[in-house]
Amino acid sequence: MAERRVIVSPPAETGGRRVQVDSRTLGTAYSLHDLTVFLERAGLEGLDEVDVADSPLIEWHGGGPEVWSASSP
């Protein structure tokens, strides 16, 4: 399978982070669980939350996998 580009945007002021795979927006994730579900629906199956947090496929903007709100450190 060709490598996909996954971008997790910075947290929004209202919480959550926009998730894109290639150029398609999948939605707003509020946790690693949400992100994992979005990626499964996009065809990136077999990943759990630990895999997602450590995946080199994901570009984290505005904080890493532990940041889900704009007020997080």
PDB file of N, CA and C in Angstrom:
ATOM      1  N   MET A   1       0.840  -1.180   0.000  1.00  0.00           N
ATOM      2  CA  MET A   1       0.000   0.000   0.000  1.00  0.00           C
ATOM      3  C   MET A   1       0.885   1.243   0.000  1.00  0.00           C
ATOM      4  N   ALA A   2       0.500   2.220  -0.780  1.00  0.00           N
ATOM      5  CA  ALA A   2       1.259   3.463  -0.838  1.00  0.00           C
ATOM      6  C   ALA A   2       1.143   4.190   0.496  1.00  0.00           C
ATOM      7  N   GLU A   3       2.211   4.882   0.855  1.00  0.00           N
ATOM      8  CA  GLU A   3       2.214   5.608   2.119  1.00  0.00           C
ATOM      9  C   GLU A   3       1.236   6.768   2.056  1.00  0.00           C
ATOM     10  N   ARG A   4       0.466   6.934   3.108  1.00  0.00           N
ATOM     11  CA  ARG A   4      -0.526   7.995   3.191  1.00  0.00           C
ATOM     12  C   ARG A   4       0.032   9.131   4.040  1.00  0.00           C
ATOM     13  N   ARG A   5      -0.438  10.322   3.804  1.00  0.00           N
ATOM     14  CA  ARG A   5      -0.037  11.485   4.590  1.00  0.00           C
ATOM     15  C   ARG A   5      -1.162  11.824   5.560  1.00  0.00           C
ATOM     16  N   VAL A   6      -0.875  11.725   6.847  1.00  0.00           N
ATOM     17  CA  VAL A   6      -1.864  12.007   7.883  1.00  0.00           C
ATOM     18  C   VAL A   6      -1.411  13.263   8.624  1.00  0.00           C
ATOM     19  N   ILE A   7      -2.307  14.250   8.687  1.00  0.00           N
ATOM     20  CA  ILE A   7      -2.002  15.497   9.378  1.00  0.00           C
ATOM     21  C   ILE A   7      -3.022  15.709  10.488  1.00  0.00           C
ATOM     22  N   VAL A   8      -2.506  15.934  11.700  1.00  0.00           N
ATOM     23  CA  VAL A   8      -3.350  16.277  12.845  1.00  0.00           C
ATOM     24  C   VAL A   8      -3.049  17.740  13.155  1.00  0.00           C
ATOM     25  N   SER A   9      -4.051  18.590  12.942  1.00  0.00           N
ATOM     26  CA  SER A   9      -3.888  20.032  13.116  1.00  0.00           C
ATOM     27  C   SER A   9      -3.792  20.417  14.585  1.00  0.00           C
ATOM     28  N   PRO A  10      -3.342  21.649  14.848  1.00  0.00           N
ATOM     29  CA  PRO A  10      -3.300  22.125  16.239  1.00  0.00           C
ATOM     30  C   PRO A  10      -4.697  22.101  16.863  1.00  0.00           C
ATOM     31  N   PRO A  11      -4.766  22.014  18.174  1.00  0.00           N
ATOM     32  CA  PRO A  11      -6.066  22.027  18.842  1.00  0.00           C
ATOM     33  C   PRO A  11      -6.824  23.319  18.555  1.00  0.00           C
ATOM     34  N   ALA A  12      -8.119  23.179  18.339  1.00  0.00           N
ATOM     35  CA  ALA A  12      -8.984  24.345  18.148  1.00  0.00           C
ATOM     36  C   ALA A  12      -9.285  24.978  19.496  1.00  0.00           C
ATOM     37  N   GLU A  13      -9.675  26.226  19.498  1.00  0.00           N
ATOM     38  CA  GLU A  13     -10.038  26.917  20.741  1.00  0.00           C
ATOM     39  C   GLU A  13     -11.182  26.198  21.456  1.00  0.00           C
ATOM     40  N   THR A  14     -12.067  25.575  20.696  1.00  0.00           N
ATOM     41  CA  THR A  14     -13.216  24.870  21.273  1.00  0.00           C
ATOM     42  C   THR A  14     -12.895  23.418  21.604  1.00  0.00           C
ATOM     43  N   GLY A  15     -11.654  22.999  21.363  1.00  0.00           N
ATOM     44  CA  GLY A  15     -11.223  21.628  21.639  1.00  0.00           C
ATOM     45  C   GLY A  15     -11.215  20.772  20.393  1.00  0.00           C
ATOM     46  N   GLY A  16     -10.461  19.708  20.442  1.00  0.00           N
ATOM     47  CA  GLY A  16     -10.368  18.791  19.316  1.00  0.00           C
ATOM     48  C   GLY A  16      -9.363  19.243  18.275  1.00  0.00           C
ATOM     49  N   ARG A  17      -8.982  18.284  17.425  1.00  0.00           N
ATOM     50  CA  ARG A  17      -7.995  18.550  16.382  1.00  0.00           C
ATOM     51  C   ARG A  17      -8.498  17.999  15.050  1.00  0.00           C
ATOM     52  N   ARG A  18      -8.413  18.817  14.008  1.00  0.00           N
ATOM     53  CA  ARG A  18      -8.837  18.382  12.677  1.00  0.00           C
ATOM     54  C   ARG A  18      -7.869  17.321  12.167  1.00  0.00           C
ATOM     55  N   VAL A  19      -8.419  16.298  11.537  1.00  0.00           N
ATOM     56  CA  VAL A  19      -7.626  15.191  11.018  1.00  0.00           C
ATOM     57  C   VAL A  19      -7.810  15.110   9.507  1.00  0.00           C
ATOM     58  N   GLN A  20      -6.675  15.061   8.792  1.00  0.00           N
ATOM     59  CA  GLN A  20      -6.700  14.914   7.346  1.00  0.00           C
ATOM     60  C   GLN A  20      -5.855  13.715   6.937  1.00  0.00           C
ATOM     61  N   VAL A  21      -6.354  12.972   5.962  1.00  0.00           N
ATOM     62  CA  VAL A  21      -5.566  11.922   5.328  1.00  0.00           C
ATOM     63  C   VAL A  21      -5.458  12.319   3.870  1.00  0.00           C
ATOM     64  N   ASP A  22      -4.227  12.446   3.403  1.00  0.00           N
ATOM     65  CA  ASP A  22      -3.942  13.014   2.087  1.00  0.00           C
ATOM     66  C   ASP A  22      -4.591  14.395   2.060  1.00  0.00           C
ATOM     67  N   SER A  23      -5.509  14.686   1.177  1.00  0.00           N
ATOM     68  CA  SER A  23      -6.110  16.018   1.160  1.00  0.00           C
ATOM     69  C   SER A  23      -7.548  15.991   1.674  1.00  0.00           C
ATOM     70  N   ARG A  24      -7.987  14.863   2.228  1.00  0.00           N
ATOM     71  CA  ARG A  24      -9.373  14.696   2.681  1.00  0.00           C
ATOM     72  C   ARG A  24      -9.483  14.890   4.194  1.00  0.00           C
ATOM     73  N   THR A  25     -10.370  15.798   4.607  1.00  0.00           N
ATOM     74  CA  THR A  25     -10.620  16.010   6.030  1.00  0.00           C
ATOM     75  C   THR A  25     -11.563  14.922   6.519  1.00  0.00           C
ATOM     76  N   LEU A  26     -11.140  14.228   7.588  1.00  0.00           N
ATOM     77  CA  LEU A  26     -11.939  13.144   8.142  1.00  0.00           C
ATOM     78  C   LEU A  26     -12.859  13.607   9.252  1.00  0.00           C
ATOM     79  N   GLY A  27     -12.486  14.676   9.943  1.00  0.00           N
ATOM     80  CA  GLY A  27     -13.299  15.179  11.039  1.00  0.00           C
ATOM     81  C   GLY A  27     -12.432  15.746  12.139  1.00  0.00           C
ATOM     82  N   THR A  28     -13.034  15.938  13.299  1.00  0.00           N
ATOM     83  CA  THR A  28     -12.338  16.466  14.466  1.00  0.00           C
ATOM     84  C   THR A  28     -12.211  15.366  15.507  1.00  0.00           C
ATOM     85  N   ALA A  29     -10.979  15.087  15.897  1.00  0.00           N
ATOM     86  CA  ALA A  29     -10.709  14.089  16.933  1.00  0.00           C
ATOM     87  C   ALA A  29     -10.527  14.798  18.265  1.00  0.00           C
ATOM     88  N   TYR A  30     -11.038  14.174  19.317  1.00  0.00           N
ATOM     89  CA  TYR A  30     -10.909  14.714  20.666  1.00  0.00           C
ATOM     90  C   TYR A  30     -10.030  13.835  21.548  1.00  0.00           C
ATOM     91  N   SER A  31      -9.489  12.752  20.947  1.00  0.00           N
ATOM     92  CA  SER A  31      -8.645  11.817  21.691  1.00  0.00           C
ATOM     93  C   SER A  31      -7.915  10.904  20.710  1.00  0.00           C
ATOM     94  N   LEU A  32      -6.951  10.153  21.231  1.00  0.00           N
ATOM     95  CA  LEU A  32      -6.273   9.156  20.401  1.00  0.00           C
ATOM     96  C   LEU A  32      -7.258   8.104  19.912  1.00  0.00           C
ATOM     97  N   HIS A  33      -8.237   7.776  20.736  1.00  0.00           N
ATOM     98  CA  HIS A  33      -9.252   6.811  20.313  1.00  0.00           C
ATOM     99  C   HIS A  33      -9.987   7.312  19.070  1.00  0.00           C
ATOM    100  N   ASP A  34     -10.444   8.576  19.106  1.00  0.00           N
ATOM    101  CA  ASP A  34     -11.126   9.156  17.946  1.00  0.00           C
ATOM    102  C   ASP A  34     -10.240   9.098  16.713  1.00  0.00           C
ATOM    103  N   LEU A  35      -8.990   9.477  16.867  1.00  0.00           N
ATOM    104  CA  LEU A  35      -8.056   9.471  15.749  1.00  0.00           C
ATOM    105  C   LEU A  35      -7.890   8.061  15.181  1.00  0.00           C
ATOM    106  N   THR A  36      -7.784   7.079  16.056  1.00  0.00           N
ATOM    107  CA  THR A  36      -7.647   5.690  15.624  1.00  0.00           C
ATOM    108  C   THR A  36      -8.867   5.252  14.819  1.00  0.00           C
ATOM    109  N   VAL A  37     -10.054   5.609  15.269  1.00  0.00           N
ATOM    110  CA  VAL A  37     -11.288   5.267  14.555  1.00  0.00           C
ATOM    111  C   VAL A  37     -11.304   5.935  13.176  1.00  0.00           C
ATOM    112  N   PHE A  38     -10.954   7.208  13.102  1.00  0.00           N
ATOM    113  CA  PHE A  38     -10.909   7.901  11.809  1.00  0.00           C
ATOM    114  C   PHE A  38      -9.957   7.196  10.846  1.00  0.00           C
ATOM    115  N   LEU A  39      -8.781   6.824  11.337  1.00  0.00           N
ATOM    116  CA  LEU A  39      -7.789   6.189  10.467  1.00  0.00           C
ATOM    117  C   LEU A  39      -8.248   4.813   9.994  1.00  0.00           C
ATOM    118  N   GLU A  40      -8.930   4.066  10.857  1.00  0.00           N
ATOM    119  CA  GLU A  40      -9.490   2.775  10.439  1.00  0.00           C
ATOM    120  C   GLU A  40     -10.500   2.974   9.320  1.00  0.00           C
ATOM    121  N   ARG A  41     -11.372   3.948   9.477  1.00  0.00           N
ATOM    122  CA  ARG A  41     -12.390   4.231   8.453  1.00  0.00           C
ATOM    123  C   ARG A  41     -11.756   4.669   7.136  1.00  0.00           C
ATOM    124  N   ALA A  42     -10.565   5.261   7.217  1.00  0.00           N
ATOM    125  CA  ALA A  42      -9.851   5.705   6.012  1.00  0.00           C
ATOM    126  C   ALA A  42      -9.024   4.573   5.386  1.00  0.00           C
ATOM    127  N   GLY A  43      -9.097   3.371   5.977  1.00  0.00           N
ATOM    128  CA  GLY A  43      -8.398   2.237   5.404  1.00  0.00           C
ATOM    129  C   GLY A  43      -7.070   1.895   6.050  1.00  0.00           C
ATOM    130  N   LEU A  44      -6.683   2.618   7.089  1.00  0.00           N
ATOM    131  CA  LEU A  44      -5.442   2.321   7.805  1.00  0.00           C
ATOM    132  C   LEU A  44      -5.794   1.434   8.993  1.00  0.00           C
ATOM    133  N   GLU A  45      -6.001   0.164   8.714  1.00  0.00           N
ATOM    134  CA  GLU A  45      -6.502  -0.766   9.720  1.00  0.00           C
ATOM    135  C   GLU A  45      -5.382  -1.425  10.503  1.00  0.00           C
ATOM    136  N   GLY A  46      -5.750  -2.012  11.629  1.00  0.00           N
ATOM    137  CA  GLY A  46      -4.801  -2.758  12.437  1.00  0.00           C
ATOM    138  C   GLY A  46      -3.969  -1.905  13.375  1.00  0.00           C
ATOM    139  N   LEU A  47      -4.371  -0.650  13.558  1.00  0.00           N
ATOM    140  CA  LEU A  47      -3.640   0.246  14.458  1.00  0.00           C
ATOM    141  C   LEU A  47      -4.392   0.369  15.776  1.00  0.00           C
ATOM    142  N   ASP A  48      -3.652   0.396  16.881  1.00  0.00           N
ATOM    143  CA  ASP A  48      -4.283   0.723  18.154  1.00  0.00           C
ATOM    144  C   ASP A  48      -3.781   2.111  18.565  1.00  0.00           C
ATOM    145  N   GLU A  49      -4.209   2.582  19.723  1.00  0.00           N
ATOM    146  CA  GLU A  49      -3.865   3.939  20.148  1.00  0.00           C
ATOM    147  C   GLU A  49      -2.363   4.123  20.343  1.00  0.00           C
ATOM    148  N   VAL A  50      -1.665   3.101  20.811  1.00  0.00           N
ATOM    149  CA  VAL A  50      -0.207   3.200  20.977  1.00  0.00           C
ATOM    150  C   VAL A  50       0.467   3.314  19.615  1.00  0.00           C
ATOM    151  N   ASP A  51       0.011   2.510  18.643  1.00  0.00           N
ATOM    152  CA  ASP A  51       0.565   2.589  17.286  1.00  0.00           C
ATOM    153  C   ASP A  51       0.369   3.983  16.702  1.00  0.00           C
ATOM    154  N   VAL A  52      -0.823   4.528  16.891  1.00  0.00           N
ATOM    155  CA  VAL A  52      -1.140   5.845  16.339  1.00  0.00           C
ATOM    156  C   VAL A  52      -0.250   6.913  16.979  1.00  0.00           C
ATOM    157  N   ALA A  53      -0.068   6.857  18.280  1.00  0.00           N
ATOM    158  CA  ALA A  53       0.754   7.853  18.989  1.00  0.00           C
ATOM    159  C   ALA A  53       2.202   7.823  18.513  1.00  0.00           C
ATOM    160  N   ASP A  54       2.689   6.638  18.141  1.00  0.00           N
ATOM    161  CA  ASP A  54       4.093   6.481  17.748  1.00  0.00           C
ATOM    162  C   ASP A  54       4.326   6.428  16.243  1.00  0.00           C
ATOM    163  N   SER A  55       3.263   6.521  15.444  1.00  0.00           N
ATOM    164  CA  SER A  55       3.386   6.323  14.002  1.00  0.00           C
ATOM    165  C   SER A  55       4.168   7.438  13.306  1.00  0.00           C
ATOM    166  N   PRO A  56       5.137   7.063  12.477  1.00  0.00           N
ATOM    167  CA  PRO A  56       5.855   8.069  11.692  1.00  0.00           C
ATOM    168  C   PRO A  56       5.021   8.619  10.529  1.00  0.00           C
ATOM    169  N   LEU A  57       3.854   8.024  10.265  1.00  0.00           N
ATOM    170  CA  LEU A  57       2.973   8.499   9.193  1.00  0.00           C
ATOM    171  C   LEU A  57       2.231   9.773   9.569  1.00  0.00           C
ATOM    172  N   ILE A  58       2.167  10.057  10.881  1.00  0.00           N
ATOM    173  CA  ILE A  58       1.341  11.171  11.352  1.00  0.00           C
ATOM    174  C   ILE A  58       2.194  12.399  11.606  1.00  0.00           C
ATOM    175  N   GLU A  59       1.762  13.518  11.011  1.00  0.00           N
ATOM    176  CA  GLU A  59       2.385  14.825  11.257  1.00  0.00           C
ATOM    177  C   GLU A  59       1.543  15.521  12.321  1.00  0.00           C
ATOM    178  N   TRP A  60       2.135  15.723  13.480  1.00  0.00           N
ATOM    179  CA  TRP A  60       1.444  16.391  14.583  1.00  0.00           C
ATOM    180  C   TRP A  60       1.787  17.872  14.542  1.00  0.00           C
ATOM    181  N   HIS A  61       0.788  18.728  14.354  1.00  0.00           N
ATOM    182  CA  HIS A  61       0.983  20.176  14.336  1.00  0.00           C
ATOM    183  C   HIS A  61       0.402  20.764  15.611  1.00  0.00           C
ATOM    184  N   GLY A  62       1.173  21.607  16.282  1.00  0.00           N
ATOM    185  CA  GLY A  62       0.672  22.278  17.485  1.00  0.00           C
ATOM    186  C   GLY A  62       0.631  21.389  18.706  1.00  0.00           C
ATOM    187  N   GLY A  63       1.502  20.409  18.764  1.00  0.00           N
ATOM    188  CA  GLY A  63       1.560  19.510  19.911  1.00  0.00           C
ATOM    189  C   GLY A  63       1.456  18.068  19.468  1.00  0.00           C
ATOM    190  N   GLY A  64       1.943  17.185  20.299  1.00  0.00           N
ATOM    191  CA  GLY A  64       1.969  15.771  19.978  1.00  0.00           C
ATOM    192  C   GLY A  64       0.692  15.056  20.380  1.00  0.00           C
ATOM    193  N   PRO A  65       0.750  13.738  20.472  1.00  0.00           N
ATOM    194  CA  PRO A  65      -0.447  12.935  20.722  1.00  0.00           C
ATOM    195  C   PRO A  65      -1.052  13.110  22.116  1.00  0.00           C
ATOM    196  N   GLU A  66      -0.366  13.806  22.989  1.00  0.00           N
ATOM    197  CA  GLU A  66      -0.912  14.032  24.325  1.00  0.00           C
ATOM    198  C   GLU A  66      -1.704  15.339  24.421  1.00  0.00           C
ATOM    199  N   VAL A  67      -1.730  16.146  23.366  1.00  0.00           N
ATOM    200  CA  VAL A  67      -2.370  17.467  23.378  1.00  0.00           C
ATOM    201  C   VAL A  67      -3.677  17.430  22.584  1.00  0.00           C
ATOM    202  N   TRP A  68      -4.812  17.668  23.292  1.00  0.00           N
ATOM    203  CA  TRP A  68      -6.121  17.622  22.636  1.00  0.00           C
ATOM    204  C   TRP A  68      -6.942  18.878  22.877  1.00  0.00           C
ATOM    205  N   SER A  69      -6.426  19.823  23.618  1.00  0.00           N
ATOM    206  CA  SER A  69      -7.143  21.088  23.806  1.00  0.00           C
ATOM    207  C   SER A  69      -6.154  22.235  23.694  1.00  0.00           C
ATOM    208  N   ALA A  70      -6.659  23.400  23.354  1.00  0.00           N
ATOM    209  CA  ALA A  70      -5.802  24.570  23.172  1.00  0.00           C
ATOM    210  C   ALA A  70      -5.135  24.986  24.478  1.00  0.00           C
ATOM    211  N   SER A  71      -5.709  24.600  25.601  1.00  0.00           N
ATOM    212  CA  SER A  71      -5.136  24.994  26.887  1.00  0.00           C
ATOM    213  C   SER A  71      -4.125  23.982  27.430  1.00  0.00           C
ATOM    214  N   SER A  72      -3.908  22.875  26.697  1.00  0.00           N
ATOM    215  CA  SER A  72      -2.915  21.883  27.153  1.00  0.00           C
ATOM    216  C   SER A  72      -1.514  22.471  27.070  1.00  0.00           C
ATOM    217  N   PRO A  73      -0.622  22.043  27.976  1.00  0.00           N
ATOM    218  CA  PRO A  73       0.738  22.590  27.958  1.00  0.00           C
ATOM    219  C   PRO A  73       1.497  22.191  26.708  1.00  0.00           C
TER     220      PRO A  73
END
